[in-house]
Amino acid sequence: MARYQHLPIFQAAYDLNIEIHHRVDSFPRVHRYAMGERLKNLTMDFLDLMVQANSKVDKFEILEKSEFILEKLKIYIRTCFDLKILGCNVFEFLVRKIEGICEQLNKWKKWSSENGSPC
């Protein structure tokens, strides 16, 4: 089984996952279980895909799915901000973390397509 802990994208996603879990704990009850669980599940799904992509020769399709999850995560974070569940500073912090992960993901996709994965 391929190692994944050494990947910077995995570590950044893991940190985001922990941050999301901590933030959801402070959500109002009305949003904690609907929106909060979705956020937590998306970050866990993303981590699962990072592990899966690292162990596959053909990574491109998995990386595409990962990109879709990040887009959904951005939408849900924005919704939380608009509903005043998250403050401006937390919103900005989370968006910056997600954007950093997106940059790494795009570089990995580019590398994957240049190194033999079919597009």
PDB file of N, CA and C in Angstrom:
ATOM      1  N   MET A   1       0.843  -1.183   0.000  1.00  0.00           N
ATOM      2  CA  MET A   1       0.000   0.000   0.000  1.00  0.00           C
ATOM      3  C   MET A   1       0.888   1.245   0.000  1.00  0.00           C
ATOM      4  N   ALA A   2       0.535   2.189  -0.821  1.00  0.00           N
ATOM      5  CA  ALA A   2       1.321   3.411  -0.964  1.00  0.00           C
ATOM      6  C   ALA A   2       1.190   4.292   0.272  1.00  0.00           C
ATOM      7  N   ARG A   3       2.286   4.961   0.585  1.00  0.00           N
ATOM      8  CA  ARG A   3       2.252   5.906   1.705  1.00  0.00           C
ATOM      9  C   ARG A   3       1.581   7.195   1.251  1.00  0.00           C
ATOM     10  N   TYR A   4       0.877   7.826   2.137  1.00  0.00           N
ATOM     11  CA  TYR A   4       0.179   9.062   1.790  1.00  0.00           C
ATOM     12  C   TYR A   4       0.439  10.169   2.796  1.00  0.00           C
ATOM     13  N   GLN A   5       0.919   9.833   3.985  1.00  0.00           N
ATOM     14  CA  GLN A   5       1.128  10.844   5.027  1.00  0.00           C
ATOM     15  C   GLN A   5       2.152  11.902   4.621  1.00  0.00           C
ATOM     16  N   HIS A   6       3.064  11.544   3.728  1.00  0.00           N
ATOM     17  CA  HIS A   6       4.109  12.464   3.305  1.00  0.00           C
ATOM     18  C   HIS A   6       3.604  13.509   2.311  1.00  0.00           C
ATOM     19  N   LEU A   7       2.432  13.310   1.755  1.00  0.00           N
ATOM     20  CA  LEU A   7       1.915  14.238   0.747  1.00  0.00           C
ATOM     21  C   LEU A   7       1.501  15.563   1.388  1.00  0.00           C
ATOM     22  N   PRO A   8       2.009  16.682   0.887  1.00  0.00           N
ATOM     23  CA  PRO A   8       1.582  17.983   1.424  1.00  0.00           C
ATOM     24  C   PRO A   8       0.077  18.203   1.275  1.00  0.00           C
ATOM     25  N   ILE A   9      -0.511  17.727   0.188  1.00  0.00           N
ATOM     26  CA  ILE A   9      -1.949  17.912  -0.002  1.00  0.00           C
ATOM     27  C   ILE A   9      -2.733  17.109   1.033  1.00  0.00           C
ATOM     28  N   PHE A  10      -2.246  15.932   1.364  1.00  0.00           N
ATOM     29  CA  PHE A  10      -2.918  15.138   2.391  1.00  0.00           C
ATOM     30  C   PHE A  10      -2.836  15.846   3.737  1.00  0.00           C
ATOM     31  N   GLN A  11      -1.675  16.363   4.077  1.00  0.00           N
ATOM     32  CA  GLN A  11      -1.516  17.042   5.363  1.00  0.00           C
ATOM     33  C   GLN A  11      -2.394  18.294   5.433  1.00  0.00           C
ATOM     34  N   ALA A  12      -2.458  19.054   4.345  1.00  0.00           N
ATOM     35  CA  ALA A  12      -3.303  20.253   4.312  1.00  0.00           C
ATOM     36  C   ALA A  12      -4.780  19.867   4.441  1.00  0.00           C
ATOM     37  N   ALA A  13      -5.173  18.796   3.766  1.00  0.00           N
ATOM     38  CA  ALA A  13      -6.561  18.332   3.844  1.00  0.00           C
ATOM     39  C   ALA A  13      -6.878  17.796   5.236  1.00  0.00           C
ATOM     40  N   TYR A  14      -5.920  17.125   5.842  1.00  0.00           N
ATOM     41  CA  TYR A  14      -6.105  16.615   7.203  1.00  0.00           C
ATOM     42  C   TYR A  14      -6.290  17.779   8.181  1.00  0.00           C
ATOM     43  N   ASP A  15      -5.459  18.807   8.036  1.00  0.00           N
ATOM     44  CA  ASP A  15      -5.588  19.991   8.894  1.00  0.00           C
ATOM     45  C   ASP A  15      -6.945  20.661   8.701  1.00  0.00           C
ATOM     46  N   LEU A  16      -7.396  20.753   7.455  1.00  0.00           N
ATOM     47  CA  LEU A  16      -8.719  21.317   7.175  1.00  0.00           C
ATOM     48  C   LEU A  16      -9.808  20.469   7.824  1.00  0.00           C
ATOM     49  N   ASN A  17      -9.676  19.164   7.738  1.00  0.00           N
ATOM     50  CA  ASN A  17     -10.637  18.249   8.338  1.00  0.00           C
ATOM     51  C   ASN A  17     -10.748  18.488   9.847  1.00  0.00           C
ATOM     52  N   ILE A  18      -9.616  18.590  10.516  1.00  0.00           N
ATOM     53  CA  ILE A  18      -9.613  18.841  11.966  1.00  0.00           C
ATOM     54  C   ILE A  18     -10.243  20.199  12.265  1.00  0.00           C
ATOM     55  N   GLU A  19      -9.896  21.196  11.485  1.00  0.00           N
ATOM     56  CA  GLU A  19     -10.454  22.544  11.689  1.00  0.00           C
ATOM     57  C   GLU A  19     -11.975  22.539  11.518  1.00  0.00           C
ATOM     58  N   ILE A  20     -12.461  21.879  10.484  1.00  0.00           N
ATOM     59  CA  ILE A  20     -13.902  21.794  10.240  1.00  0.00           C
ATOM     60  C   ILE A  20     -14.583  21.103  11.416  1.00  0.00           C
ATOM     61  N   HIS A  21     -14.010  20.000  11.885  1.00  0.00           N
ATOM     62  CA  HIS A  21     -14.611  19.285  13.015  1.00  0.00           C
ATOM     63  C   HIS A  21     -14.704  20.178  14.254  1.00  0.00           C
ATOM     64  N   HIS A  22     -13.664  20.946  14.516  1.00  0.00           N
ATOM     65  CA  HIS A  22     -13.700  21.864  15.668  1.00  0.00           C
ATOM     66  C   HIS A  22     -14.741  22.964  15.475  1.00  0.00           C
ATOM     67  N   ARG A  23     -14.815  23.508  14.279  1.00  0.00           N
ATOM     68  CA  ARG A  23     -15.768  24.599  14.016  1.00  0.00           C
ATOM     69  C   ARG A  23     -17.208  24.124  14.095  1.00  0.00           C
ATOM     70  N   VAL A  24     -17.480  22.932  13.603  1.00  0.00           N
ATOM     71  CA  VAL A  24     -18.852  22.410  13.607  1.00  0.00           C
ATOM     72  C   VAL A  24     -19.368  22.248  15.031  1.00  0.00           C
ATOM     73  N   ASP A  25     -18.474  21.941  15.957  1.00  0.00           N
ATOM     74  CA  ASP A  25     -18.890  21.797  17.356  1.00  0.00           C
ATOM     75  C   ASP A  25     -19.531  23.063  17.911  1.00  0.00           C
ATOM     76  N   SER A  26     -19.166  24.214  17.354  1.00  0.00           N
ATOM     77  CA  SER A  26     -19.725  25.471  17.845  1.00  0.00           C
ATOM     78  C   SER A  26     -20.900  25.980  17.004  1.00  0.00           C
ATOM     79  N   PHE A  27     -21.315  25.213  16.006  1.00  0.00           N
ATOM     80  CA  PHE A  27     -22.487  25.600  15.206  1.00  0.00           C
ATOM     81  C   PHE A  27     -23.733  25.588  16.086  1.00  0.00           C
ATOM     82  N   PRO A  28     -24.697  26.457  15.794  1.00  0.00           N
ATOM     83  CA  PRO A  28     -25.994  26.354  16.477  1.00  0.00           C
ATOM     84  C   PRO A  28     -26.613  24.989  16.189  1.00  0.00           C
ATOM     85  N   ARG A  29     -27.350  24.487  17.129  1.00  0.00           N
ATOM     86  CA  ARG A  29     -27.928  23.141  17.013  1.00  0.00           C
ATOM     87  C   ARG A  29     -28.699  22.952  15.711  1.00  0.00           C
ATOM     88  N   VAL A  30     -29.418  23.966  15.296  1.00  0.00           N
ATOM     89  CA  VAL A  30     -30.239  23.853  14.092  1.00  0.00           C
ATOM     90  C   VAL A  30     -29.389  23.584  12.843  1.00  0.00           C
ATOM     91  N   HIS A  31     -28.112  23.992  12.865  1.00  0.00           N
ATOM     92  CA  HIS A  31     -27.232  23.804  11.710  1.00  0.00           C
ATOM     93  C   HIS A  31     -26.166  22.724  11.937  1.00  0.00           C
ATOM     94  N   ARG A  32     -25.950  22.341  13.180  1.00  0.00           N
ATOM     95  CA  ARG A  32     -24.859  21.421  13.495  1.00  0.00           C
ATOM     96  C   ARG A  32     -25.010  20.078  12.802  1.00  0.00           C
ATOM     97  N   TYR A  33     -26.220  19.571  12.744  1.00  0.00           N
ATOM     98  CA  TYR A  33     -26.400  18.219  12.227  1.00  0.00           C
ATOM     99  C   TYR A  33     -26.633  18.180  10.731  1.00  0.00           C
ATOM    100  N   ALA A  34     -27.271  19.178  10.177  1.00  0.00           N
ATOM    101  CA  ALA A  34     -27.483  19.179   8.727  1.00  0.00           C
ATOM    102  C   ALA A  34     -26.229  19.687   8.019  1.00  0.00           C
ATOM    103  N   MET A  35     -25.926  20.941   8.200  1.00  0.00           N
ATOM    104  CA  MET A  35     -24.783  21.540   7.507  1.00  0.00           C
ATOM    105  C   MET A  35     -23.462  21.028   8.079  1.00  0.00           C
ATOM    106  N   GLY A  36     -23.381  20.915   9.370  1.00  0.00           N
ATOM    107  CA  GLY A  36     -22.142  20.473  10.007  1.00  0.00           C
ATOM    108  C   GLY A  36     -21.729  19.077   9.580  1.00  0.00           C
ATOM    109  N   GLU A  37     -22.667  18.169   9.548  1.00  0.00           N
ATOM    110  CA  GLU A  37     -22.343  16.798   9.139  1.00  0.00           C
ATOM    111  C   GLU A  37     -21.928  16.734   7.681  1.00  0.00           C
ATOM    112  N   ARG A  38     -22.555  17.551   6.847  1.00  0.00           N
ATOM    113  CA  ARG A  38     -22.153  17.583   5.435  1.00  0.00           C
ATOM    114  C   ARG A  38     -20.715  18.053   5.284  1.00  0.00           C
ATOM    115  N   LEU A  39     -20.367  19.097   6.019  1.00  0.00           N
ATOM    116  CA  LEU A  39     -19.001  19.605   5.957  1.00  0.00           C
ATOM    117  C   LEU A  39     -18.000  18.546   6.426  1.00  0.00           C
ATOM    118  N   LYS A  40     -18.311  17.911   7.536  1.00  0.00           N
ATOM    119  CA  LYS A  40     -17.410  16.881   8.055  1.00  0.00           C
ATOM    120  C   LYS A  40     -17.292  15.711   7.083  1.00  0.00           C
ATOM    121  N   ASN A  41     -18.409  15.295   6.514  1.00  0.00           N
ATOM    122  CA  ASN A  41     -18.376  14.177   5.571  1.00  0.00           C
ATOM    123  C   ASN A  41     -17.585  14.521   4.315  1.00  0.00           C
ATOM    124  N   LEU A  42     -17.735  15.747   3.824  1.00  0.00           N
ATOM    125  CA  LEU A  42     -16.983  16.148   2.633  1.00  0.00           C
ATOM    126  C   LEU A  42     -15.479  16.132   2.888  1.00  0.00           C
ATOM    127  N   THR A  43     -15.061  16.639   4.043  1.00  0.00           N
ATOM    128  CA  THR A  43     -13.619  16.636   4.312  1.00  0.00           C
ATOM    129  C   THR A  43     -13.094  15.212   4.486  1.00  0.00           C
ATOM    130  N   MET A  44     -13.880  14.345   5.088  1.00  0.00           N
ATOM    131  CA  MET A  44     -13.464  12.945   5.227  1.00  0.00           C
ATOM    132  C   MET A  44     -13.429  12.261   3.859  1.00  0.00           C
ATOM    133  N   ASP A  45     -14.418  12.534   3.023  1.00  0.00           N
ATOM    134  CA  ASP A  45     -14.433  11.964   1.671  1.00  0.00           C
ATOM    135  C   ASP A  45     -13.209  12.414   0.879  1.00  0.00           C
ATOM    136  N   PHE A  46     -12.847  13.675   1.036  1.00  0.00           N
ATOM    137  CA  PHE A  46     -11.676  14.193   0.338  1.00  0.00           C
ATOM    138  C   PHE A  46     -10.417  13.461   0.793  1.00  0.00           C
ATOM    139  N   LEU A  47     -10.275  13.265   2.094  1.00  0.00           N
ATOM    140  CA  LEU A  47      -9.116  12.519   2.601  1.00  0.00           C
ATOM    141  C   LEU A  47      -9.076  11.102   2.030  1.00  0.00           C
ATOM    142  N   ASP A  48     -10.231  10.456   1.997  1.00  0.00           N
ATOM    143  CA  ASP A  48     -10.310   9.104   1.428  1.00  0.00           C
ATOM    144  C   ASP A  48      -9.825   9.088  -0.013  1.00  0.00           C
ATOM    145  N   LEU A  49     -10.230  10.095  -0.787  1.00  0.00           N
ATOM    146  CA  LEU A  49      -9.821  10.156  -2.188  1.00  0.00           C
ATOM    147  C   LEU A  49      -8.328  10.431  -2.338  1.00  0.00           C
ATOM    148  N   MET A  50      -7.747  11.194  -1.425  1.00  0.00           N
ATOM    149  CA  MET A  50      -6.305  11.447  -1.484  1.00  0.00           C
ATOM    150  C   MET A  50      -5.526  10.156  -1.260  1.00  0.00           C
ATOM    151  N   VAL A  51      -5.978   9.357  -0.313  1.00  0.00           N
ATOM    152  CA  VAL A  51      -5.335   8.069  -0.057  1.00  0.00           C
ATOM    153  C   VAL A  51      -5.487   7.163  -1.277  1.00  0.00           C
ATOM    154  N   GLN A  52      -6.690   7.143  -1.833  1.00  0.00           N
ATOM    155  CA  GLN A  52      -6.965   6.304  -2.992  1.00  0.00           C
ATOM    156  C   GLN A  52      -6.134   6.747  -4.204  1.00  0.00           C
ATOM    157  N   ALA A  53      -6.080   8.045  -4.452  1.00  0.00           N
ATOM    158  CA  ALA A  53      -5.327   8.557  -5.606  1.00  0.00           C
ATOM    159  C   ALA A  53      -3.850   8.238  -5.484  1.00  0.00           C
ATOM    160  N   ASN A  54      -3.320   8.320  -4.295  1.00  0.00           N
ATOM    161  CA  ASN A  54      -1.899   8.065  -4.112  1.00  0.00           C
ATOM    162  C   ASN A  54      -1.527   6.610  -4.375  1.00  0.00           C
ATOM    163  N   SER A  55      -2.491   5.718  -4.241  1.00  0.00           N
ATOM    164  CA  SER A  55      -2.185   4.303  -4.434  1.00  0.00           C
ATOM    165  C   SER A  55      -2.507   3.804  -5.842  1.00  0.00           C
ATOM    166  N   LYS A  56      -3.064   4.669  -6.690  1.00  0.00           N
ATOM    167  CA  LYS A  56      -3.439   4.273  -8.053  1.00  0.00           C
ATOM    168  C   LYS A  56      -2.418   4.763  -9.068  1.00  0.00           C
ATOM    169  N   VAL A  57      -2.289   4.004 -10.141  1.00  0.00           N
ATOM    170  CA  VAL A  57      -1.446   4.445 -11.254  1.00  0.00           C
ATOM    171  C   VAL A  57      -2.186   5.531 -12.025  1.00  0.00           C
ATOM    172  N   ASP A  58      -3.458   5.291 -12.333  1.00  0.00           N
ATOM    173  CA  ASP A  58      -4.283   6.253 -13.047  1.00  0.00           C
ATOM    174  C   ASP A  58      -5.044   7.094 -12.021  1.00  0.00           C
ATOM    175  N   LYS A  59      -4.502   8.256 -11.715  1.00  0.00           N
ATOM    176  CA  LYS A  59      -5.030   9.103 -10.661  1.00  0.00           C
ATOM    177  C   LYS A  59      -6.063  10.117 -11.143  1.00  0.00           C
ATOM    178  N   PHE A  60      -6.078  10.369 -12.430  1.00  0.00           N
ATOM    179  CA  PHE A  60      -6.800  11.525 -12.959  1.00  0.00           C
ATOM    180  C   PHE A  60      -8.281  11.530 -12.585  1.00  0.00           C
ATOM    181  N   GLU A  61      -8.965  10.420 -12.737  1.00  0.00           N
ATOM    182  CA  GLU A  61     -10.398  10.365 -12.437  1.00  0.00           C
ATOM    183  C   GLU A  61     -10.668  10.629 -10.954  1.00  0.00           C
ATOM    184  N   ILE A  62      -9.840  10.084 -10.104  1.00  0.00           N
ATOM    185  CA  ILE A  62      -9.999  10.300  -8.661  1.00  0.00           C
ATOM    186  C   ILE A  62      -9.731  11.764  -8.316  1.00  0.00           C
ATOM    187  N   LEU A  63      -8.736  12.339  -8.959  1.00  0.00           N
ATOM    188  CA  LEU A  63      -8.437  13.753  -8.711  1.00  0.00           C
ATOM    189  C   LEU A  63      -9.574  14.657  -9.201  1.00  0.00           C
ATOM    190  N   GLU A  64     -10.234  14.255 -10.274  1.00  0.00           N
ATOM    191  CA  GLU A  64     -11.414  14.992 -10.751  1.00  0.00           C
ATOM    192  C   GLU A  64     -12.532  14.947  -9.702  1.00  0.00           C
ATOM    193  N   LYS A  65     -12.767  13.778  -9.126  1.00  0.00           N
ATOM    194  CA  LYS A  65     -13.778  13.653  -8.065  1.00  0.00           C
ATOM    195  C   LYS A  65     -13.401  14.515  -6.871  1.00  0.00           C
ATOM    196  N   SER A  66     -12.127  14.547  -6.563  1.00  0.00           N
ATOM    197  CA  SER A  66     -11.639  15.359  -5.442  1.00  0.00           C
ATOM    198  C   SER A  66     -11.906  16.838  -5.682  1.00  0.00           C
ATOM    199  N   GLU A  67     -11.707  17.252  -6.912  1.00  0.00           N
ATOM    200  CA  GLU A  67     -11.940  18.652  -7.273  1.00  0.00           C
ATOM    201  C   GLU A  67     -13.420  19.012  -7.084  1.00  0.00           C
ATOM    202  N   PHE A  68     -14.295  18.103  -7.457  1.00  0.00           N
ATOM    203  CA  PHE A  68     -15.732  18.317  -7.286  1.00  0.00           C
ATOM    204  C   PHE A  68     -16.092  18.440  -5.800  1.00  0.00           C
ATOM    205  N   ILE A  69     -15.480  17.632  -4.971  1.00  0.00           N
ATOM    206  CA  ILE A  69     -15.734  17.714  -3.528  1.00  0.00           C
ATOM    207  C   ILE A  69     -15.282  19.063  -2.982  1.00  0.00           C
ATOM    208  N   LEU A  70     -14.143  19.547  -3.427  1.00  0.00           N
ATOM    209  CA  LEU A  70     -13.684  20.856  -2.968  1.00  0.00           C
ATOM    210  C   LEU A  70     -14.629  21.972  -3.387  1.00  0.00           C
ATOM    211  N   GLU A  71     -15.183  21.866  -4.580  1.00  0.00           N
ATOM    212  CA  GLU A  71     -16.151  22.873  -5.026  1.00  0.00           C
ATOM    213  C   GLU A  71     -17.397  22.859  -4.131  1.00  0.00           C
ATOM    214  N   LYS A  72     -17.876  21.667  -3.814  1.00  0.00           N
ATOM    215  CA  LYS A  72     -19.030  21.571  -2.910  1.00  0.00           C
ATOM    216  C   LYS A  72     -18.684  22.129  -1.538  1.00  0.00           C
ATOM    217  N   LEU A  73     -17.492  21.843  -1.069  1.00  0.00           N
ATOM    218  CA  LEU A  73     -17.058  22.349   0.230  1.00  0.00           C
ATOM    219  C   LEU A  73     -17.039  23.874   0.245  1.00  0.00           C
ATOM    220  N   LYS A  74     -16.551  24.472  -0.836  1.00  0.00           N
ATOM    221  CA  LYS A  74     -16.549  25.939  -0.922  1.00  0.00           C
ATOM    222  C   LYS A  74     -17.964  26.502  -0.872  1.00  0.00           C
ATOM    223  N   ILE A  75     -18.880  25.852  -1.552  1.00  0.00           N
ATOM    224  CA  ILE A  75     -20.272  26.309  -1.558  1.00  0.00           C
ATOM    225  C   ILE A  75     -20.874  26.222  -0.163  1.00  0.00           C
ATOM    226  N   TYR A  76     -20.632  25.123   0.530  1.00  0.00           N
ATOM    227  CA  TYR A  76     -21.192  24.954   1.880  1.00  0.00           C
ATOM    228  C   TYR A  76     -20.573  25.930   2.875  1.00  0.00           C
ATOM    229  N   ILE A  77     -19.276  26.186   2.732  1.00  0.00           N
ATOM    230  CA  ILE A  77     -18.620  27.171   3.600  1.00  0.00           C
ATOM    231  C   ILE A  77     -19.213  28.551   3.350  1.00  0.00           C
ATOM    232  N   ARG A  78     -19.431  28.887   2.093  1.00  0.00           N
ATOM    233  CA  ARG A  78     -20.038  30.183   1.757  1.00  0.00           C
ATOM    234  C   ARG A  78     -21.454  30.273   2.311  1.00  0.00           C
ATOM    235  N   THR A  79     -22.200  29.183   2.229  1.00  0.00           N
ATOM    236  CA  THR A  79     -23.552  29.161   2.787  1.00  0.00           C
ATOM    237  C   THR A  79     -23.511  29.401   4.289  1.00  0.00           C
ATOM    238  N   CYS A  80     -22.574  28.775   4.964  1.00  0.00           N
ATOM    239  CA  CYS A  80     -22.428  28.978   6.416  1.00  0.00           C
ATOM    240  C   CYS A  80     -22.121  30.434   6.734  1.00  0.00           C
ATOM    241  N   PHE A  81     -21.295  31.049   5.925  1.00  0.00           N
ATOM    242  CA  PHE A  81     -20.987  32.460   6.120  1.00  0.00           C
ATOM    243  C   PHE A  81     -22.232  33.318   5.900  1.00  0.00           C
ATOM    244  N   ASP A  82     -22.950  33.051   4.820  1.00  0.00           N
ATOM    245  CA  ASP A  82     -24.146  33.835   4.508  1.00  0.00           C
ATOM    246  C   ASP A  82     -25.249  33.660   5.552  1.00  0.00           C
ATOM    247  N   LEU A  83     -25.292  32.487   6.171  1.00  0.00           N
ATOM    248  CA  LEU A  83     -26.273  32.247   7.233  1.00  0.00           C
ATOM    249  C   LEU A  83     -25.790  32.744   8.599  1.00  0.00           C
ATOM    250  N   LYS A  84     -24.610  33.348   8.602  1.00  0.00           N
ATOM    251  CA  LYS A  84     -24.001  33.889   9.822  1.00  0.00           C
ATOM    252  C   LYS A  84     -23.643  32.801  10.830  1.00  0.00           C
ATOM    253  N   ILE A  85     -23.388  31.597  10.329  1.00  0.00           N
ATOM    254  CA  ILE A  85     -22.913  30.507  11.171  1.00  0.00           C
ATOM    255  C   ILE A  85     -21.413  30.671  11.400  1.00  0.00           C
ATOM    256  N   LEU A  86     -20.728  31.158  10.378  1.00  0.00           N
ATOM    257  CA  LEU A  86     -19.296  31.423  10.454  1.00  0.00           C
ATOM    258  C   LEU A  86     -19.049  32.916  10.343  1.00  0.00           C
ATOM    259  N   GLY A  87     -18.127  33.400  11.137  1.00  0.00           N
ATOM    260  CA  GLY A  87     -17.741  34.795  11.062  1.00  0.00           C
ATOM    261  C   GLY A  87     -16.810  35.046   9.889  1.00  0.00           C
ATOM    262  N   CYS A  88     -16.547  36.295   9.637  1.00  0.00           N
ATOM    263  CA  CYS A  88     -15.733  36.709   8.496  1.00  0.00           C
ATOM    264  C   CYS A  88     -14.319  36.134   8.580  1.00  0.00           C
ATOM    265  N   ASN A  89     -13.694  36.205   9.760  1.00  0.00           N
ATOM    266  CA  ASN A  89     -12.325  35.711   9.903  1.00  0.00           C
ATOM    267  C   ASN A  89     -12.231  34.211   9.681  1.00  0.00           C
ATOM    268  N   VAL A  90     -13.173  33.472  10.225  1.00  0.00           N
ATOM    269  CA  VAL A  90     -13.178  32.012  10.061  1.00  0.00           C
ATOM    270  C   VAL A  90     -13.441  31.661   8.606  1.00  0.00           C
ATOM    271  N   PHE A  91     -14.389  32.348   8.000  1.00  0.00           N
ATOM    272  CA  PHE A  91     -14.696  32.127   6.581  1.00  0.00           C
ATOM    273  C   PHE A  91     -13.446  32.331   5.729  1.00  0.00           C
ATOM    274  N   GLU A  92     -12.772  33.452   5.936  1.00  0.00           N
ATOM    275  CA  GLU A  92     -11.572  33.751   5.163  1.00  0.00           C
ATOM    276  C   GLU A  92     -10.491  32.701   5.406  1.00  0.00           C
ATOM    277  N   PHE A  93     -10.300  32.303   6.640  1.00  0.00           N
ATOM    278  CA  PHE A  93      -9.307  31.292   6.983  1.00  0.00           C
ATOM    279  C   PHE A  93      -9.586  29.973   6.262  1.00  0.00           C
ATOM    280  N   LEU A  94     -10.843  29.516   6.300  1.00  0.00           N
ATOM    281  CA  LEU A  94     -11.204  28.249   5.666  1.00  0.00           C
ATOM    282  C   LEU A  94     -11.087  28.323   4.145  1.00  0.00           C
ATOM    283  N   VAL A  95     -11.509  29.431   3.572  1.00  0.00           N
ATOM    284  CA  VAL A  95     -11.422  29.586   2.114  1.00  0.00           C
ATOM    285  C   VAL A  95      -9.964  29.575   1.666  1.00  0.00           C
ATOM    286  N   ARG A  96      -9.096  30.229   2.417  1.00  0.00           N
ATOM    287  CA  ARG A  96      -7.674  30.230   2.065  1.00  0.00           C
ATOM    288  C   ARG A  96      -7.091  28.819   2.144  1.00  0.00           C
ATOM    289  N   LYS A  97      -7.486  28.068   3.152  1.00  0.00           N
ATOM    290  CA  LYS A  97      -7.027  26.680   3.268  1.00  0.00           C
ATOM    291  C   LYS A  97      -7.502  25.856   2.072  1.00  0.00           C
ATOM    292  N   ILE A  98      -8.762  26.027   1.714  1.00  0.00           N
ATOM    293  CA  ILE A  98      -9.308  25.276   0.584  1.00  0.00           C
ATOM    294  C   ILE A  98      -8.625  25.681  -0.716  1.00  0.00           C
ATOM    295  N   GLU A  99      -8.389  26.969  -0.907  1.00  0.00           N
ATOM    296  CA  GLU A  99      -7.715  27.432  -2.123  1.00  0.00           C
ATOM    297  C   GLU A  99      -6.297  26.864  -2.215  1.00  0.00           C
ATOM    298  N   GLY A 100      -5.605  26.779  -1.089  1.00  0.00           N
ATOM    299  CA  GLY A 100      -4.275  26.178  -1.081  1.00  0.00           C
ATOM    300  C   GLY A 100      -4.325  24.714  -1.495  1.00  0.00           C
ATOM    301  N   ILE A 101      -5.339  24.008  -1.021  1.00  0.00           N
ATOM    302  CA  ILE A 101      -5.517  22.607  -1.395  1.00  0.00           C
ATOM    303  C   ILE A 101      -5.855  22.501  -2.878  1.00  0.00           C
ATOM    304  N   CYS A 102      -6.692  23.408  -3.374  1.00  0.00           N
ATOM    305  CA  CYS A 102      -7.044  23.421  -4.804  1.00  0.00           C
ATOM    306  C   CYS A 102      -5.805  23.603  -5.677  1.00  0.00           C
ATOM    307  N   GLU A 103      -4.911  24.485  -5.276  1.00  0.00           N
ATOM    308  CA  GLU A 103      -3.684  24.706  -6.040  1.00  0.00           C
ATOM    309  C   GLU A 103      -2.853  23.428  -6.096  1.00  0.00           C
ATOM    310  N   GLN A 104      -2.717  22.766  -4.957  1.00  0.00           N
ATOM    311  CA  GLN A 104      -1.948  21.524  -4.924  1.00  0.00           C
ATOM    312  C   GLN A 104      -2.619  20.448  -5.778  1.00  0.00           C
ATOM    313  N   LEU A 105      -3.940  20.384  -5.704  1.00  0.00           N
ATOM    314  CA  LEU A 105      -4.686  19.398  -6.479  1.00  0.00           C
ATOM    315  C   LEU A 105      -4.511  19.638  -7.982  1.00  0.00           C
ATOM    316  N   ASN A 106      -4.561  20.897  -8.388  1.00  0.00           N
ATOM    317  CA  ASN A 106      -4.376  21.225  -9.812  1.00  0.00           C
ATOM    318  C   ASN A 106      -2.979  20.835 -10.298  1.00  0.00           C
ATOM    319  N   LYS A 107      -1.975  21.053  -9.458  1.00  0.00           N
ATOM    320  CA  LYS A 107      -0.617  20.657  -9.829  1.00  0.00           C
ATOM    321  C   LYS A 107      -0.512  19.137  -9.936  1.00  0.00           C
ATOM    322  N   TRP A 108      -1.170  18.422  -9.032  1.00  0.00           N
ATOM    323  CA  TRP A 108      -1.138  16.970  -9.062  1.00  0.00           C
ATOM    324  C   TRP A 108      -1.858  16.444 -10.310  1.00  0.00           C
ATOM    325  N   LYS A 109      -2.987  17.081 -10.645  1.00  0.00           N
ATOM    326  CA  LYS A 109      -3.714  16.692 -11.862  1.00  0.00           C
ATOM    327  C   LYS A 109      -2.849  16.918 -13.097  1.00  0.00           C
ATOM    328  N   LYS A 110      -2.168  18.041 -13.148  1.00  0.00           N
ATOM    329  CA  LYS A 110      -1.308  18.342 -14.290  1.00  0.00           C
ATOM    330  C   LYS A 110      -0.186  17.316 -14.384  1.00  0.00           C
ATOM    331  N   TRP A 111       0.444  17.029 -13.265  1.00  0.00           N
ATOM    332  CA  TRP A 111       1.509  16.033 -13.248  1.00  0.00           C
ATOM    333  C   TRP A 111       0.981  14.665 -13.684  1.00  0.00           C
ATOM    334  N   SER A 112      -0.195  14.319 -13.187  1.00  0.00           N
ATOM    335  CA  SER A 112      -0.787  13.033 -13.504  1.00  0.00           C
ATOM    336  C   SER A 112      -1.084  12.910 -14.998  1.00  0.00           C
ATOM    337  N   SER A 113      -1.608  13.966 -15.597  1.00  0.00           N
ATOM    338  CA  SER A 113      -1.924  13.911 -17.031  1.00  0.00           C
ATOM    339  C   SER A 113      -0.659  13.904 -17.896  1.00  0.00           C
ATOM    340  N   GLU A 114       0.407  14.529 -17.414  1.00  0.00           N
ATOM    341  CA  GLU A 114       1.657  14.551 -18.167  1.00  0.00           C
ATOM    342  C   GLU A 114       2.453  13.261 -18.030  1.00  0.00           C
ATOM    343  N   ASN A 115       2.159  12.481 -17.010  1.00  0.00           N
ATOM    344  CA  ASN A 115       2.931  11.282 -16.736  1.00  0.00           C
ATOM    345  C   ASN A 115       2.161  10.002 -16.968  1.00  0.00           C
ATOM    346  N   GLY A 116       1.383   9.981 -18.013  1.00  0.00           N
ATOM    347  CA  GLY A 116       0.815   8.724 -18.469  1.00  0.00           C
ATOM    348  C   GLY A 116      -0.628   8.444 -18.117  1.00  0.00           C
ATOM    349  N   SER A 117      -1.254   9.249 -17.279  1.00  0.00           N
ATOM    350  CA  SER A 117      -2.663   8.994 -16.992  1.00  0.00           C
ATOM    351  C   SER A 117      -3.499   9.522 -18.134  1.00  0.00           C
ATOM    352  N   PRO A 118      -4.417   8.717 -18.633  1.00  0.00           N
ATOM    353  CA  PRO A 118      -5.264   9.191 -19.736  1.00  0.00           C
ATOM    354  C   PRO A 118      -6.202  10.303 -19.289  1.00  0.00           C
ATOM    355  N   CYS A 119      -6.431  11.223 -20.167  1.00  0.00           N
ATOM    356  CA  CYS A 119      -7.346  12.345 -19.859  1.00  0.00           C
ATOM    357  C   CYS A 119      -8.631  12.209 -20.607  1.00  0.00           C
TER     358      CYS A 119
END
